[in-house]
C-alpha cells in the first residue's frame, strides 16, 4: 500500500468515525486494507509454491486467478485466489472452498496496519 493510498484510507476513516458510520463492512474505510492484504498474501503463497516446484525440477506456473467472496467478521470480502497449471497449489491463508474467514483473522490483519 502506498503512502497516498494509506492517507486516503485514514482520511475516509476519520470522516466515517465523525459521522458515526462503521469503519468495517463493504463501504468501511478498512475494507480495502483487508482485501488488499489477503490478495497479496495469496500471491506470495503462490510465488513460494512456484519457486519450490521449480527447485524440484517441476514446470508448474501460474494460470490466472479465481474471484470469490469470503465472509469476514466485518462483512463480505472479494478476493482473487491464484491458480497454477498443475492444480497442486493449496493456499493456506484462505483455503480452497473456504467461504468464511477464520475467526479473529480480520482483527489481526487490521492490527498489522495500525
N, C-alpha and C. Protein backbone atom coordinates (compact mmCIF):
# COMPACT_ATOMS: atom_id res chain seq x y z
N UNK A 1 0.85 -1.17 0.00
CA UNK A 1 0.00 0.00 0.00
C UNK A 1 0.90 1.24 0.00
N UNK A 2 0.64 2.13 -0.91
CA UNK A 2 1.44 3.35 -0.99
C UNK A 2 1.01 4.33 0.09
N UNK A 3 1.86 5.32 0.35
CA UNK A 3 1.53 6.34 1.35
C UNK A 3 0.28 7.11 0.95
N UNK A 4 0.12 7.35 -0.35
CA UNK A 4 -1.05 8.08 -0.83
C UNK A 4 -2.33 7.29 -0.53
N UNK A 5 -2.30 5.96 -0.79
CA UNK A 5 -3.46 5.11 -0.51
C UNK A 5 -3.75 5.06 0.98
N UNK A 6 -2.70 4.97 1.79
CA UNK A 6 -2.87 4.93 3.24
C UNK A 6 -3.47 6.24 3.74
N UNK A 7 -3.00 7.37 3.23
CA UNK A 7 -3.56 8.66 3.62
C UNK A 7 -5.04 8.75 3.24
N UNK A 8 -5.37 8.23 2.07
CA UNK A 8 -6.76 8.24 1.62
C UNK A 8 -7.64 7.40 2.55
N UNK A 9 -7.16 6.23 2.94
CA UNK A 9 -7.91 5.36 3.84
C UNK A 9 -8.09 6.03 5.20
N UNK A 10 -7.03 6.64 5.70
CA UNK A 10 -7.10 7.29 7.01
C UNK A 10 -8.06 8.49 6.98
N UNK A 11 -8.06 9.25 5.91
CA UNK A 11 -8.99 10.37 5.78
C UNK A 11 -10.43 9.86 5.76
N UNK A 12 -10.66 8.81 4.99
CA UNK A 12 -12.00 8.23 4.92
C UNK A 12 -12.42 7.69 6.30
N UNK A 13 -11.49 7.07 7.00
CA UNK A 13 -11.78 6.53 8.34
C UNK A 13 -12.17 7.65 9.30
N UNK A 14 -11.45 8.75 9.27
CA UNK A 14 -11.78 9.89 10.14
C UNK A 14 -13.17 10.43 9.85
N UNK A 15 -13.48 10.57 8.56
CA UNK A 15 -14.80 11.08 8.17
C UNK A 15 -15.91 10.14 8.63
N UNK A 16 -15.72 8.84 8.41
CA UNK A 16 -16.73 7.88 8.83
C UNK A 16 -16.87 7.84 10.35
N UNK A 17 -15.77 7.94 11.05
CA UNK A 17 -15.80 7.92 12.52
C UNK A 17 -16.58 9.12 13.05
N UNK A 18 -16.33 10.30 12.48
CA UNK A 18 -17.03 11.52 12.91
C UNK A 18 -18.53 11.43 12.65
N UNK A 19 -18.92 10.76 11.56
CA UNK A 19 -20.34 10.62 11.21
C UNK A 19 -21.01 9.46 11.96
N UNK A 20 -20.21 8.66 12.66
CA UNK A 20 -20.76 7.52 13.38
C UNK A 20 -21.03 6.32 12.49
N UNK A 21 -20.41 6.31 11.31
CA UNK A 21 -20.58 5.19 10.38
C UNK A 21 -19.57 4.09 10.72
N UNK A 22 -19.90 2.83 10.41
CA UNK A 22 -18.96 1.75 10.69
C UNK A 22 -17.72 1.83 9.81
N UNK A 23 -16.56 1.52 10.38
CA UNK A 23 -15.30 1.56 9.65
C UNK A 23 -15.05 0.28 8.87
N UNK A 24 -15.79 -0.76 9.20
CA UNK A 24 -15.64 -2.04 8.54
C UNK A 24 -16.87 -2.31 7.70
N UNK A 25 -16.90 -3.42 7.00
CA UNK A 25 -18.02 -3.73 6.12
C UNK A 25 -17.71 -3.28 4.71
N UNK A 26 -18.64 -3.49 3.81
CA UNK A 26 -18.39 -3.25 2.39
C UNK A 26 -17.98 -1.81 2.08
N UNK A 27 -18.54 -0.84 2.76
CA UNK A 27 -18.20 0.56 2.49
C UNK A 27 -17.28 1.16 3.54
N UNK A 28 -16.80 0.36 4.46
CA UNK A 28 -15.94 0.86 5.52
C UNK A 28 -14.54 1.19 5.03
N UNK A 29 -13.88 2.08 5.74
CA UNK A 29 -12.55 2.53 5.35
C UNK A 29 -11.52 1.40 5.39
N UNK A 30 -11.68 0.45 6.30
CA UNK A 30 -10.69 -0.60 6.46
C UNK A 30 -10.96 -1.82 5.58
N UNK A 31 -12.07 -1.82 4.89
CA UNK A 31 -12.39 -2.93 3.99
C UNK A 31 -11.31 -3.10 2.94
N UNK A 32 -10.84 -1.99 2.38
CA UNK A 32 -9.81 -2.00 1.35
C UNK A 32 -8.53 -2.66 1.87
N UNK A 33 -8.15 -2.35 3.12
CA UNK A 33 -6.92 -2.90 3.69
C UNK A 33 -7.01 -4.42 3.82
N UNK A 34 -8.13 -4.90 4.30
CA UNK A 34 -8.32 -6.33 4.49
C UNK A 34 -8.25 -7.06 3.15
N UNK A 35 -8.95 -6.53 2.17
CA UNK A 35 -8.95 -7.13 0.83
C UNK A 35 -7.55 -7.15 0.23
N UNK A 36 -6.85 -6.03 0.31
CA UNK A 36 -5.51 -5.93 -0.27
C UNK A 36 -4.55 -6.90 0.41
N UNK A 37 -4.61 -6.97 1.73
CA UNK A 37 -3.72 -7.86 2.46
C UNK A 37 -3.94 -9.32 2.05
N UNK A 38 -5.19 -9.74 2.01
CA UNK A 38 -5.49 -11.13 1.65
C UNK A 38 -5.01 -11.46 0.24
N UNK A 39 -5.24 -10.56 -0.71
CA UNK A 39 -4.81 -10.81 -2.09
C UNK A 39 -3.30 -10.87 -2.21
N UNK A 40 -2.59 -10.00 -1.51
CA UNK A 40 -1.12 -10.01 -1.56
C UNK A 40 -0.56 -11.25 -0.87
N UNK A 41 -1.19 -11.67 0.21
CA UNK A 41 -0.75 -12.88 0.92
C UNK A 41 -0.94 -14.11 0.03
N UNK A 42 -2.06 -14.19 -0.67
CA UNK A 42 -2.29 -15.32 -1.57
C UNK A 42 -1.29 -15.32 -2.72
N UNK A 43 -0.97 -14.14 -3.26
CA UNK A 43 0.04 -14.05 -4.32
C UNK A 43 1.41 -14.51 -3.81
N UNK A 44 1.75 -14.12 -2.59
CA UNK A 44 3.03 -14.52 -2.01
C UNK A 44 3.08 -16.04 -1.81
N UNK A 45 1.96 -16.63 -1.39
CA UNK A 45 1.90 -18.08 -1.26
C UNK A 45 2.13 -18.76 -2.60
N UNK A 46 1.53 -18.22 -3.65
CA UNK A 46 1.70 -18.80 -4.99
C UNK A 46 3.16 -18.66 -5.44
N UNK A 47 3.77 -17.50 -5.20
CA UNK A 47 5.18 -17.31 -5.56
C UNK A 47 6.05 -18.37 -4.89
N UNK A 48 5.80 -18.62 -3.62
CA UNK A 48 6.56 -19.62 -2.88
C UNK A 48 6.32 -21.02 -3.45
N UNK A 49 5.09 -21.32 -3.78
CA UNK A 49 4.73 -22.63 -4.34
C UNK A 49 5.46 -22.85 -5.68
N UNK A 50 5.44 -21.85 -6.54
CA UNK A 50 6.07 -21.95 -7.86
C UNK A 50 7.59 -22.11 -7.69
N UNK A 51 8.19 -21.31 -6.81
CA UNK A 51 9.64 -21.39 -6.58
C UNK A 51 10.03 -22.76 -6.05
N UNK A 52 9.24 -23.28 -5.13
CA UNK A 52 9.52 -24.61 -4.56
C UNK A 52 9.39 -25.69 -5.63
N UNK A 53 8.39 -25.57 -6.47
CA UNK A 53 8.17 -26.55 -7.53
C UNK A 53 9.30 -26.53 -8.54
N UNK A 54 9.76 -25.34 -8.93
CA UNK A 54 10.85 -25.23 -9.90
C UNK A 54 12.15 -25.76 -9.31
N UNK A 55 12.32 -25.57 -7.99
CA UNK A 55 13.52 -26.08 -7.32
C UNK A 55 13.57 -27.60 -7.34
N UNK A 56 12.42 -28.23 -7.45
CA UNK A 56 12.34 -29.70 -7.51
C UNK A 56 12.28 -30.21 -8.95
N UNK A 57 12.59 -29.34 -9.89
CA UNK A 57 12.61 -29.75 -11.30
C UNK A 57 11.25 -29.68 -11.99
N UNK A 58 10.25 -29.12 -11.34
CA UNK A 58 8.90 -29.03 -11.92
C UNK A 58 8.78 -27.89 -12.91
N UNK A 59 7.72 -27.95 -13.69
CA UNK A 59 7.48 -26.92 -14.70
C UNK A 59 6.16 -26.21 -14.45
N UNK A 60 5.68 -26.25 -13.22
CA UNK A 60 4.41 -25.61 -12.86
C UNK A 60 4.53 -24.10 -13.03
N UNK A 61 3.42 -23.45 -13.37
CA UNK A 61 3.42 -21.99 -13.49
C UNK A 61 2.02 -21.47 -13.19
N UNK A 62 1.92 -20.16 -13.10
CA UNK A 62 0.63 -19.52 -12.80
C UNK A 62 -0.37 -19.78 -13.92
N UNK A 63 -1.66 -19.76 -13.54
CA UNK A 63 -2.72 -19.97 -14.53
C UNK A 63 -3.93 -19.12 -14.17
N UNK A 64 -3.72 -17.83 -13.99
CA UNK A 64 -4.83 -16.93 -13.72
C UNK A 64 -5.27 -16.91 -12.28
N UNK A 65 -6.44 -16.34 -12.05
CA UNK A 65 -6.99 -16.20 -10.70
C UNK A 65 -8.49 -16.48 -10.74
N UNK A 66 -9.00 -16.90 -9.60
CA UNK A 66 -10.43 -17.12 -9.43
C UNK A 66 -10.95 -16.13 -8.39
N UNK A 67 -11.99 -15.41 -8.73
CA UNK A 67 -12.59 -14.47 -7.79
C UNK A 67 -13.59 -15.21 -6.90
N UNK A 68 -13.60 -14.85 -5.63
CA UNK A 68 -14.61 -15.38 -4.74
C UNK A 68 -14.81 -14.42 -3.59
N UNK A 69 -15.98 -14.52 -3.00
CA UNK A 69 -16.30 -13.69 -1.84
C UNK A 69 -16.22 -14.56 -0.60
N UNK A 70 -15.54 -14.06 0.42
CA UNK A 70 -15.49 -14.75 1.71
C UNK A 70 -16.11 -13.84 2.75
N UNK A 71 -16.77 -14.44 3.70
CA UNK A 71 -17.39 -13.67 4.77
C UNK A 71 -16.38 -13.46 5.89
N UNK A 72 -16.24 -12.23 6.33
CA UNK A 72 -15.40 -11.92 7.47
C UNK A 72 -16.31 -11.40 8.58
N UNK A 73 -15.72 -11.12 9.70
CA UNK A 73 -16.49 -10.58 10.81
C UNK A 73 -17.12 -9.23 10.46
N UNK A 74 -16.54 -8.58 9.46
CA UNK A 74 -16.96 -7.23 9.09
C UNK A 74 -17.70 -7.17 7.77
N UNK A 75 -18.14 -8.30 7.27
CA UNK A 75 -18.87 -8.32 6.02
C UNK A 75 -18.09 -9.06 4.93
N UNK A 76 -18.67 -9.14 3.74
CA UNK A 76 -18.04 -9.89 2.65
C UNK A 76 -16.79 -9.19 2.11
N UNK A 77 -15.81 -9.99 1.71
CA UNK A 77 -14.56 -9.50 1.14
C UNK A 77 -14.34 -10.24 -0.17
N UNK A 78 -14.06 -9.50 -1.25
CA UNK A 78 -13.78 -10.10 -2.56
C UNK A 78 -12.29 -10.39 -2.66
N UNK A 79 -11.93 -11.64 -2.92
CA UNK A 79 -10.52 -11.98 -3.09
C UNK A 79 -10.32 -12.67 -4.43
N UNK A 80 -9.07 -12.71 -4.87
CA UNK A 80 -8.69 -13.39 -6.10
C UNK A 80 -7.66 -14.45 -5.75
N UNK A 81 -8.08 -15.71 -5.78
CA UNK A 81 -7.17 -16.80 -5.45
C UNK A 81 -6.41 -17.21 -6.70
N UNK A 82 -5.06 -17.18 -6.65
CA UNK A 82 -4.28 -17.59 -7.81
C UNK A 82 -4.41 -19.09 -8.08
N UNK A 83 -4.25 -19.47 -9.34
CA UNK A 83 -4.28 -20.87 -9.74
C UNK A 83 -2.96 -21.23 -10.42
N UNK A 84 -2.65 -22.51 -10.42
CA UNK A 84 -1.47 -22.98 -11.14
C UNK A 84 -1.87 -24.05 -12.14
N UNK A 85 -1.00 -24.31 -13.11
CA UNK A 85 -1.31 -25.26 -14.19
C UNK A 85 -1.53 -26.67 -13.68
N UNK A 86 -0.71 -27.10 -12.70
CA UNK A 86 -0.81 -28.46 -12.19
C UNK A 86 -2.00 -28.67 -11.26
N UNK A 87 -2.55 -27.59 -10.73
CA UNK A 87 -3.64 -27.71 -9.77
C UNK A 87 -3.18 -28.21 -8.41
N UNK A 88 -1.88 -28.06 -8.15
CA UNK A 88 -1.31 -28.56 -6.89
C UNK A 88 -1.20 -27.47 -5.82
N UNK A 89 -1.54 -26.24 -6.17
CA UNK A 89 -1.44 -25.14 -5.20
C UNK A 89 -2.57 -25.23 -4.18
N UNK A 90 -2.20 -25.28 -2.90
CA UNK A 90 -3.15 -25.31 -1.79
C UNK A 90 -2.90 -24.08 -0.91
N UNK A 91 -3.67 -23.01 -1.09
CA UNK A 91 -3.45 -21.81 -0.29
C UNK A 91 -3.73 -22.06 1.19
N UNK A 92 -2.99 -21.38 2.04
CA UNK A 92 -3.15 -21.53 3.49
C UNK A 92 -3.97 -20.38 4.09
N UNK A 93 -3.80 -19.17 3.57
CA UNK A 93 -4.48 -18.02 4.13
C UNK A 93 -6.00 -18.17 4.03
N UNK A 94 -6.48 -18.45 2.85
CA UNK A 94 -7.90 -18.73 2.60
C UNK A 94 -7.93 -20.01 1.77
N UNK A 95 -8.24 -21.09 2.40
CA UNK A 95 -8.18 -22.40 1.77
C UNK A 95 -9.21 -22.55 0.65
N UNK A 96 -8.97 -23.53 -0.24
CA UNK A 96 -9.91 -23.81 -1.32
C UNK A 96 -11.28 -24.15 -0.71
N UNK A 97 -12.31 -23.69 -1.36
CA UNK A 97 -13.70 -23.92 -0.96
C UNK A 97 -14.06 -23.32 0.40
N UNK A 98 -13.18 -22.53 0.97
CA UNK A 98 -13.48 -21.86 2.23
C UNK A 98 -14.22 -20.56 1.91
N UNK A 99 -15.35 -20.34 2.56
CA UNK A 99 -16.13 -19.14 2.30
C UNK A 99 -16.27 -18.25 3.53
N UNK A 100 -15.73 -18.70 4.65
CA UNK A 100 -15.77 -17.90 5.87
C UNK A 100 -14.34 -17.75 6.37
N UNK A 101 -13.92 -16.50 6.54
CA UNK A 101 -12.58 -16.20 7.01
C UNK A 101 -12.44 -16.66 8.46
N UNK A 102 -11.30 -17.22 8.80
CA UNK A 102 -11.06 -17.72 10.15
C UNK A 102 -11.35 -16.64 11.19
N UNK A 103 -11.96 -17.04 12.28
CA UNK A 103 -12.35 -16.11 13.33
C UNK A 103 -11.11 -15.39 13.89
N UNK A 104 -11.19 -14.09 13.97
CA UNK A 104 -10.11 -13.29 14.52
C UNK A 104 -9.05 -12.89 13.51
N UNK A 105 -9.04 -13.50 12.33
CA UNK A 105 -8.03 -13.18 11.33
C UNK A 105 -8.15 -11.74 10.85
N UNK A 106 -9.37 -11.27 10.67
CA UNK A 106 -9.58 -9.88 10.24
C UNK A 106 -8.97 -8.90 11.23
N UNK A 107 -9.19 -9.14 12.52
CA UNK A 107 -8.63 -8.26 13.55
C UNK A 107 -7.11 -8.24 13.52
N UNK A 108 -6.50 -9.39 13.30
CA UNK A 108 -5.05 -9.48 13.25
C UNK A 108 -4.50 -8.71 12.05
N UNK A 109 -5.17 -8.83 10.90
CA UNK A 109 -4.71 -8.13 9.69
C UNK A 109 -4.82 -6.63 9.87
N UNK A 110 -5.95 -6.16 10.37
CA UNK A 110 -6.14 -4.72 10.60
C UNK A 110 -5.12 -4.23 11.63
N UNK A 111 -4.83 -5.03 12.64
CA UNK A 111 -3.83 -4.68 13.65
C UNK A 111 -2.44 -4.49 13.06
N UNK A 112 -2.12 -5.25 12.02
CA UNK A 112 -0.82 -5.11 11.36
C UNK A 112 -0.68 -3.73 10.72
N UNK A 113 -1.76 -3.19 10.19
CA UNK A 113 -1.71 -1.88 9.56
C UNK A 113 -1.62 -0.77 10.60
N UNK A 114 -2.23 -0.97 11.75
CA UNK A 114 -2.23 0.05 12.78
C UNK A 114 -0.85 0.11 13.37
